C-alpha atoms as a PDB file:
ATOM      1  CA  MET A   1      24.768  19.121 313.303  1.00  0.00           C
ATOM      2  CA  THR A   2      26.518  21.879 315.265  1.00  0.00           C
ATOM      3  CA  ARG A   3      29.812  20.174 316.096  1.00  0.00           C
ATOM      4  CA  SER A   4      31.849  22.850 314.289  1.00  0.00           C
ATOM      5  CA  GLY A   5      29.816  25.626 315.909  1.00  0.00           C
ATOM      6  CA  VAL A   6      27.908  26.447 312.726  1.00  0.00           C
ATOM      7  CA  VAL A   7      25.000  24.810 310.934  1.00  0.00           C
ATOM      8  CA  ASN A   8      25.917  23.965 307.337  1.00  0.00           C
ATOM      9  CA  PRO A   9      22.691  23.527 305.340  1.00  0.00           C
ATOM     10  CA  SER A  10      24.657  22.476 302.246  1.00  0.00           C
ATOM     11  CA  LEU A  11      25.041  19.054 303.864  1.00  0.00           C
ATOM     12  CA  SER A  12      22.267  16.565 303.227  1.00  0.00           C
ATOM     13  CA  GLN A  13      22.366  15.376 306.859  1.00  0.00           C
ATOM     14  CA  THR A  14      21.646  18.927 308.065  1.00  0.00           C
ATOM     15  CA  ARG A  15      18.639  19.243 305.768  1.00  0.00           C
ATOM     16  CA  GLY A  16      17.544  15.785 306.940  1.00  0.00           C
ATOM     17  CA  ALA A  17      17.806  16.956 310.552  1.00  0.00           C
ATOM     18  CA  PHE A  18      15.603  19.964 309.748  1.00  0.00           C
ATOM     19  CA  THR A  19      13.020  17.527 308.379  1.00  0.00           C
ATOM     20  CA  LYS A  20      13.167  15.254 311.442  1.00  0.00           C
ATOM     21  CA  ILE A  21      13.211  18.027 314.059  1.00  0.00           C
ATOM     22  CA  PHE A  22      10.392  19.991 312.447  1.00  0.00           C
ATOM     23  CA  SER A  23       8.239  17.113 311.186  1.00  0.00           C
ATOM     24  CA  GLY A  24       4.490  17.353 311.107  1.00  0.00           C
ATOM     25  CA  THR A  25       1.999  19.867 309.846  1.00  0.00           C
ATOM     26  CA  GLY A  26       1.170  23.435 310.736  1.00  0.00           C
ATOM     27  CA  ALA A  27       3.811  25.387 312.622  1.00  0.00           C
ATOM     28  CA  PRO A  28       6.554  22.698 312.456  1.00  0.00           C
ATOM     29  CA  LEU A  29       6.182  22.406 308.681  1.00  0.00           C
ATOM     30  CA  ALA A  30       6.230  26.189 308.308  1.00  0.00           C
ATOM     31  CA  GLN A  31       9.420  26.364 310.408  1.00  0.00           C
ATOM     32  CA  GLN A  32      11.073  23.628 308.319  1.00  0.00           C
ATOM     33  CA  GLN A  33      10.184  25.418 305.078  1.00  0.00           C
ATOM     34  CA  PHE A  34      11.439  28.717 306.525  1.00  0.00           C
ATOM     35  CA  LEU A  35      14.813  27.199 307.478  1.00  0.00           C
ATOM     36  CA  LEU A  36      15.242  25.593 304.062  1.00  0.00           C
ATOM     37  CA  ALA A  37      14.320  28.842 302.281  1.00  0.00           C
ATOM     38  CA  LEU A  38      16.645  30.854 304.528  1.00  0.00           C
ATOM     39  CA  SER A  39      19.488  28.418 303.823  1.00  0.00           C
ATOM     40  CA  ARG A  40      19.324  28.724 300.033  1.00  0.00           C
ATOM     41  CA  ARG A  41      21.945  30.702 298.171  1.00  0.00           C
ATOM     42  CA  LYS A  42      23.227  30.793 294.650  1.00  0.00           C
ATOM     43  CA  GLY A  43      26.366  28.689 294.300  1.00  0.00           C
ATOM     44  CA  LEU A  44      29.632  30.148 293.095  1.00  0.00           C
ATOM     45  CA  ARG A  45      30.849  29.012 289.673  1.00  0.00           C
ATOM     46  CA  ILE A  46      33.392  26.587 291.121  1.00  0.00           C
ATOM     47  CA  GLU A  47      30.806  25.217 293.561  1.00  0.00           C
ATOM     48  CA  ALA A  48      28.379  24.593 290.687  1.00  0.00           C
ATOM     49  CA  LEU A  49      31.144  22.883 288.718  1.00  0.00           C
ATOM     50  CA  LEU A  50      32.138  20.626 291.620  1.00  0.00           C
ATOM     51  CA  ILE A  51      28.637  19.645 292.773  1.00  0.00           C
ATOM     52  CA  ILE A  52      28.283  16.016 293.856  1.00  0.00           C
ATOM     53  CA  GLN A  53      26.875  14.080 290.904  1.00  0.00           C
ATOM     54  CA  GLY A  54      23.371  12.739 291.431  1.00  0.00           C
ATOM     55  CA  SER A  55      22.760  14.841 294.538  1.00  0.00           C
ATOM     56  CA  GLY A  56      20.144  17.095 292.946  1.00  0.00           C
ATOM     57  CA  ASN A  57      19.602  19.687 290.292  1.00  0.00           C
ATOM     58  CA  GLY A  58      19.659  22.768 292.524  1.00  0.00           C
ATOM     59  CA  SER A  59      15.906  23.303 292.658  1.00  0.00           C
ATOM     60  CA  THR A  60      13.982  23.844 295.873  1.00  0.00           C
ATOM     61  CA  ALA A  61      12.697  20.273 295.830  1.00  0.00           C
ATOM     62  CA  THR A  62      16.075  18.650 295.054  1.00  0.00           C
ATOM     63  CA  PRO A  63      18.969  20.876 296.109  1.00  0.00           C
ATOM     64  CA  GLY A  64      22.446  19.797 295.088  1.00  0.00           C
ATOM     65  CA  ASN A  65      25.141  18.930 297.623  1.00  0.00           C
ATOM     66  CA  LEU A  66      28.350  20.898 297.378  1.00  0.00           C
ATOM     67  CA  GLY A  67      31.500  18.923 296.719  1.00  0.00           C
ATOM     68  CA  TYR A  68      33.531  22.052 297.406  1.00  0.00           C
ATOM     69  CA  GLU A  69      32.534  25.219 299.226  1.00  0.00           C
ATOM     70  CA  GLY A  70      34.264  28.562 298.852  1.00  0.00           C
ATOM     71  CA  GLN A  71      36.420  30.331 296.310  1.00  0.00           C
ATOM     72  CA  LEU A  72      39.561  29.223 294.519  1.00  0.00           C
ATOM     73  CA  GLY A  73      42.689  31.325 294.634  1.00  0.00           C
ATOM     74  CA  PRO A  74      45.497  31.776 292.123  1.00  0.00           C
ATOM     75  CA  LEU A  75      47.589  29.046 293.781  1.00  0.00           C
ATOM     76  CA  ASP A  76      44.691  26.573 293.474  1.00  0.00           C
ATOM     77  CA  ALA A  77      44.390  27.337 289.758  1.00  0.00           C
ATOM     78  CA  ALA A  78      48.159  27.057 289.238  1.00  0.00           C
ATOM     79  CA  HIS A  79      48.169  23.703 291.027  1.00  0.00           C
ATOM     80  CA  ALA A  80      45.312  22.406 288.856  1.00  0.00           C
ATOM     81  CA  ILE A  81      46.880  23.619 285.597  1.00  0.00           C
ATOM     82  CA  ASP A  82      50.656  23.165 286.088  1.00  0.00           C
ATOM     83  CA  ASN A  83      50.834  20.989 289.223  1.00  0.00           C
ATOM     84  CA  VAL A  84      52.435  23.823 291.198  1.00  0.00           C
ATOM     85  CA  PRO A  85      53.066  22.465 294.722  1.00  0.00           C
ATOM     86  CA  LEU A  86      50.692  23.563 297.457  1.00  0.00           C
ATOM     87  CA  PRO A  87      52.225  24.854 300.697  1.00  0.00           C
END
């Protein structure tokens, strides 16, 4: 979960780990809900377009998994439109 040095809650396995680590009722459940609420953010347009099909609808109960994370640059757009080579 922290191999890269950061916790990426957009991955289903990270959200699954939150559920397993903080399972139960009371304080563990409150901590799990806090982490999931803290991890939510509105996706960028390209992220919403490239969401993994069938992963969820983006609601709190069924968040979607990102197929791509970040922004696209002009070179990315040129490559997609005119097959401009990437460096």
